């Protein structure tokens, strides 16, 4: 789907056939920013997915009820339906 990226590097999405993208109905990227970008999370010191694909995943996971925002802060909680769907897809 994408190549391994170092923090700060950008890349392109080659296919949309990953089971998670298929389940969420993501078949194209919504805007002109880089398709994928490796972003260093300053709070945890780990790399997370950014760019148009990261935004599309985030929006779809929220809209489909797989995750829910914590009432305070930036944290997310995986909902029970989200856990079931991720387990069905063998993710997580």
N, C-alpha and C. Protein backbone atom coordinates (compact mmCIF):
# COMPACT_ATOMS: atom_id res chain seq x y z
N UNK A 1 0.83 -1.19 0.00
CA UNK A 1 0.00 0.00 0.00
C UNK A 1 0.88 1.25 0.00
N UNK A 2 1.80 1.38 0.97
CA UNK A 2 2.74 2.51 1.02
C UNK A 2 4.11 1.97 1.42
N UNK A 3 5.14 2.74 1.12
CA UNK A 3 6.50 2.37 1.52
C UNK A 3 6.74 2.80 2.96
N UNK A 4 7.75 2.20 3.59
CA UNK A 4 8.17 2.65 4.91
C UNK A 4 8.77 4.04 4.77
N UNK A 5 8.39 4.92 5.68
CA UNK A 5 8.85 6.30 5.62
C UNK A 5 9.52 6.68 6.93
N UNK A 6 10.54 7.51 6.84
CA UNK A 6 11.18 8.07 8.02
C UNK A 6 10.42 9.33 8.42
N UNK A 7 10.52 9.76 9.68
CA UNK A 7 9.83 10.97 10.11
C UNK A 7 10.08 12.14 9.17
N UNK A 8 9.02 12.80 8.77
CA UNK A 8 9.10 13.96 7.89
C UNK A 8 9.02 13.63 6.41
N UNK A 9 9.18 12.37 6.05
CA UNK A 9 9.12 11.99 4.64
C UNK A 9 7.66 11.86 4.19
N UNK A 10 7.44 12.14 2.90
CA UNK A 10 6.13 11.98 2.30
C UNK A 10 6.18 10.89 1.24
N UNK A 11 5.04 10.33 0.94
CA UNK A 11 4.96 9.29 -0.08
C UNK A 11 3.59 9.33 -0.75
N UNK A 12 3.39 8.39 -1.63
CA UNK A 12 2.12 8.30 -2.34
C UNK A 12 1.45 6.98 -2.02
N UNK A 13 0.16 6.95 -2.14
CA UNK A 13 -0.61 5.72 -1.97
C UNK A 13 -0.67 5.04 -3.33
N UNK A 14 -0.22 3.80 -3.38
CA UNK A 14 -0.20 3.08 -4.65
C UNK A 14 -1.50 2.33 -4.92
N UNK A 15 -2.13 1.82 -3.86
CA UNK A 15 -3.38 1.08 -4.02
C UNK A 15 -4.31 1.39 -2.84
N UNK A 16 -5.56 1.09 -3.03
CA UNK A 16 -6.56 1.28 -1.98
C UNK A 16 -7.22 -0.06 -1.63
N UNK A 17 -6.45 -1.16 -1.79
CA UNK A 17 -7.04 -2.48 -1.59
C UNK A 17 -6.79 -3.08 -0.20
N UNK A 18 -6.22 -2.32 0.72
CA UNK A 18 -6.04 -2.82 2.08
C UNK A 18 -7.42 -3.04 2.70
N UNK A 19 -7.62 -4.13 3.44
CA UNK A 19 -8.94 -4.42 4.01
C UNK A 19 -9.55 -3.29 4.83
N UNK A 20 -8.73 -2.54 5.57
CA UNK A 20 -9.27 -1.43 6.35
C UNK A 20 -9.82 -0.33 5.44
N UNK A 21 -9.09 0.01 4.40
CA UNK A 21 -9.56 1.04 3.46
C UNK A 21 -10.84 0.58 2.77
N UNK A 22 -10.88 -0.68 2.38
CA UNK A 22 -12.08 -1.23 1.73
C UNK A 22 -13.27 -1.17 2.69
N UNK A 23 -13.08 -1.60 3.94
CA UNK A 23 -14.18 -1.61 4.92
C UNK A 23 -14.71 -0.21 5.19
N UNK A 24 -13.83 0.78 5.15
CA UNK A 24 -14.24 2.16 5.41
C UNK A 24 -14.67 2.89 4.14
N UNK A 25 -14.57 2.23 3.01
CA UNK A 25 -15.00 2.85 1.75
C UNK A 25 -14.06 3.91 1.23
N UNK A 26 -12.79 3.86 1.61
CA UNK A 26 -11.81 4.84 1.15
C UNK A 26 -11.23 4.34 -0.17
N UNK A 27 -11.60 5.01 -1.24
CA UNK A 27 -11.16 4.60 -2.58
C UNK A 27 -10.32 5.66 -3.28
N UNK A 28 -10.23 6.83 -2.68
CA UNK A 28 -9.45 7.93 -3.24
C UNK A 28 -9.12 8.89 -2.10
N UNK A 29 -8.17 9.77 -2.35
CA UNK A 29 -7.79 10.74 -1.32
C UNK A 29 -8.53 12.05 -1.57
N UNK A 30 -8.96 12.70 -0.49
CA UNK A 30 -9.86 13.84 -0.62
C UNK A 30 -9.25 15.16 -1.01
N UNK A 31 -7.94 15.31 -0.91
CA UNK A 31 -7.38 16.63 -1.19
C UNK A 31 -5.98 16.53 -1.79
N UNK A 32 -5.36 17.68 -1.96
CA UNK A 32 -4.09 17.73 -2.70
C UNK A 32 -2.85 17.64 -1.81
N UNK A 33 -3.00 17.53 -0.50
CA UNK A 33 -1.79 17.41 0.34
C UNK A 33 -1.12 16.06 0.06
N UNK A 34 0.10 15.87 0.54
CA UNK A 34 0.77 14.59 0.28
C UNK A 34 -0.11 13.41 0.68
N UNK A 35 -0.06 12.35 -0.10
CA UNK A 35 -0.89 11.18 0.18
C UNK A 35 -0.63 10.62 1.56
N UNK A 36 0.62 10.42 1.89
CA UNK A 36 1.02 9.96 3.22
C UNK A 36 2.24 10.74 3.67
N UNK A 37 2.33 10.91 4.97
CA UNK A 37 3.50 11.56 5.55
C UNK A 37 3.73 10.92 6.90
N UNK A 38 4.99 10.66 7.21
CA UNK A 38 5.36 10.12 8.52
C UNK A 38 5.59 11.30 9.45
N UNK A 39 4.78 11.40 10.48
CA UNK A 39 4.84 12.54 11.39
C UNK A 39 5.31 12.06 12.77
N UNK A 40 6.34 12.69 13.30
CA UNK A 40 6.84 12.34 14.62
C UNK A 40 5.94 12.96 15.68
N UNK A 41 5.33 12.13 16.50
CA UNK A 41 4.47 12.59 17.58
C UNK A 41 5.35 13.04 18.74
N UNK A 42 5.37 14.32 19.02
CA UNK A 42 6.25 14.86 20.05
C UNK A 42 5.89 14.34 21.43
N UNK A 43 4.63 14.00 21.68
CA UNK A 43 4.22 13.58 23.03
C UNK A 43 4.62 12.15 23.35
N UNK A 44 4.75 11.28 22.32
CA UNK A 44 5.10 9.88 22.55
C UNK A 44 6.42 9.48 21.91
N UNK A 45 6.95 10.33 21.05
CA UNK A 45 8.21 10.01 20.38
C UNK A 45 8.08 8.90 19.36
N UNK A 46 6.88 8.69 18.84
CA UNK A 46 6.65 7.65 17.84
C UNK A 46 6.13 8.30 16.56
N UNK A 47 6.22 7.57 15.48
CA UNK A 47 5.75 8.07 14.19
C UNK A 47 4.31 7.64 13.99
N UNK A 48 3.50 8.57 13.50
CA UNK A 48 2.12 8.24 13.14
C UNK A 48 1.84 8.70 11.71
N UNK A 49 0.77 8.18 11.15
CA UNK A 49 0.38 8.47 9.77
C UNK A 49 -0.27 9.84 9.68
N UNK A 50 0.23 10.66 8.76
CA UNK A 50 -0.36 11.97 8.50
C UNK A 50 -0.61 12.07 7.00
N UNK A 51 -0.97 13.24 6.54
CA UNK A 51 -1.27 13.43 5.12
C UNK A 51 -2.73 13.13 4.81
N UNK A 52 -3.04 13.10 3.53
CA UNK A 52 -4.43 12.90 3.10
C UNK A 52 -4.98 11.55 3.54
N UNK A 53 -4.16 10.50 3.50
CA UNK A 53 -4.64 9.19 3.93
C UNK A 53 -4.92 9.17 5.43
N UNK A 54 -4.03 9.75 6.22
CA UNK A 54 -4.27 9.84 7.66
C UNK A 54 -5.56 10.58 7.97
N UNK A 55 -5.80 11.68 7.27
CA UNK A 55 -7.02 12.46 7.48
C UNK A 55 -8.26 11.67 7.06
N UNK A 56 -8.17 10.96 5.94
CA UNK A 56 -9.30 10.16 5.47
C UNK A 56 -9.62 9.03 6.45
N UNK A 57 -8.59 8.36 6.95
CA UNK A 57 -8.81 7.29 7.94
C UNK A 57 -9.44 7.85 9.21
N UNK A 58 -8.88 8.94 9.72
CA UNK A 58 -9.40 9.55 10.94
C UNK A 58 -10.87 9.92 10.78
N UNK A 59 -11.20 10.60 9.70
CA UNK A 59 -12.57 11.03 9.47
C UNK A 59 -13.51 9.83 9.34
N UNK A 60 -13.11 8.82 8.59
CA UNK A 60 -13.96 7.65 8.40
C UNK A 60 -14.16 6.86 9.69
N UNK A 61 -13.10 6.69 10.47
CA UNK A 61 -13.21 5.97 11.74
C UNK A 61 -14.17 6.68 12.69
N UNK A 62 -14.10 8.00 12.73
CA UNK A 62 -15.04 8.78 13.56
C UNK A 62 -16.46 8.70 13.01
N UNK A 63 -16.62 8.96 11.72
CA UNK A 63 -17.95 8.99 11.11
C UNK A 63 -18.66 7.64 11.19
N UNK A 64 -17.89 6.55 11.07
CA UNK A 64 -18.48 5.21 11.12
C UNK A 64 -18.64 4.68 12.54
N UNK A 65 -18.22 5.47 13.53
CA UNK A 65 -18.40 5.08 14.92
C UNK A 65 -17.43 4.04 15.44
N UNK A 66 -16.32 3.84 14.74
CA UNK A 66 -15.32 2.87 15.20
C UNK A 66 -14.49 3.43 16.34
N UNK A 67 -14.32 4.75 16.36
CA UNK A 67 -13.63 5.43 17.45
C UNK A 67 -14.47 6.62 17.89
N UNK A 68 -14.22 7.05 19.11
CA UNK A 68 -14.92 8.20 19.67
C UNK A 68 -13.89 9.08 20.35
N UNK A 69 -14.08 10.38 20.25
CA UNK A 69 -13.17 11.32 20.91
C UNK A 69 -13.40 11.29 22.42
N UNK A 70 -12.30 11.42 23.17
CA UNK A 70 -12.41 11.58 24.62
C UNK A 70 -12.99 12.97 24.86
N UNK A 71 -13.84 13.12 25.87
CA UNK A 71 -14.47 14.43 26.10
C UNK A 71 -13.47 15.58 26.28
N UNK A 72 -12.31 15.29 26.85
CA UNK A 72 -11.29 16.33 27.03
C UNK A 72 -10.00 15.86 26.36
N UNK A 73 -9.39 16.72 25.64
CA UNK A 73 -8.10 16.39 25.04
C UNK A 73 -8.22 15.77 23.66
N UNK A 74 -7.11 15.20 23.21
CA UNK A 74 -7.02 14.66 21.85
C UNK A 74 -7.17 13.15 21.79
N UNK A 75 -7.31 12.51 22.92
CA UNK A 75 -7.36 11.04 22.96
C UNK A 75 -8.61 10.50 22.26
N UNK A 76 -8.46 9.30 21.70
CA UNK A 76 -9.57 8.59 21.08
C UNK A 76 -9.79 7.28 21.82
N UNK A 77 -11.02 6.79 21.77
CA UNK A 77 -11.35 5.51 22.36
C UNK A 77 -11.96 4.64 21.26
N UNK A 78 -11.48 3.41 21.16
CA UNK A 78 -12.07 2.48 20.20
C UNK A 78 -13.38 1.98 20.78
N UNK A 79 -14.45 2.11 20.03
CA UNK A 79 -15.76 1.67 20.50
C UNK A 79 -15.89 0.16 20.37
N UNK A 80 -16.92 -0.40 20.98
CA UNK A 80 -17.14 -1.84 20.87
C UNK A 80 -17.40 -2.25 19.41
N UNK A 81 -18.24 -1.52 18.65
CA UNK A 81 -18.37 -1.87 17.23
C UNK A 81 -17.03 -1.77 16.49
N UNK A 82 -16.22 -0.78 16.83
CA UNK A 82 -14.91 -0.64 16.22
C UNK A 82 -14.01 -1.83 16.54
N UNK A 83 -14.04 -2.28 17.79
CA UNK A 83 -13.25 -3.46 18.18
C UNK A 83 -13.66 -4.69 17.39
N UNK A 84 -14.98 -4.87 17.24
CA UNK A 84 -15.47 -6.03 16.48
C UNK A 84 -15.01 -5.97 15.04
N UNK A 85 -15.17 -4.81 14.41
CA UNK A 85 -14.79 -4.68 13.00
C UNK A 85 -13.29 -4.86 12.82
N UNK A 86 -12.48 -4.28 13.70
CA UNK A 86 -11.03 -4.43 13.60
C UNK A 86 -10.63 -5.89 13.81
N UNK A 87 -11.30 -6.58 14.73
CA UNK A 87 -11.03 -8.01 14.95
C UNK A 87 -11.39 -8.81 13.71
N UNK A 88 -12.54 -8.49 13.09
CA UNK A 88 -12.95 -9.18 11.86
C UNK A 88 -11.90 -9.00 10.76
N UNK A 89 -11.28 -7.82 10.72
CA UNK A 89 -10.27 -7.52 9.72
C UNK A 89 -8.88 -7.98 10.16
N UNK A 90 -8.78 -8.52 11.37
CA UNK A 90 -7.51 -8.99 11.94
C UNK A 90 -6.50 -7.86 12.05
N UNK A 91 -7.00 -6.73 12.52
CA UNK A 91 -6.16 -5.54 12.74
C UNK A 91 -6.18 -5.24 14.22
N UNK A 92 -5.02 -5.03 14.78
CA UNK A 92 -4.94 -4.66 16.20
C UNK A 92 -4.76 -5.79 17.04
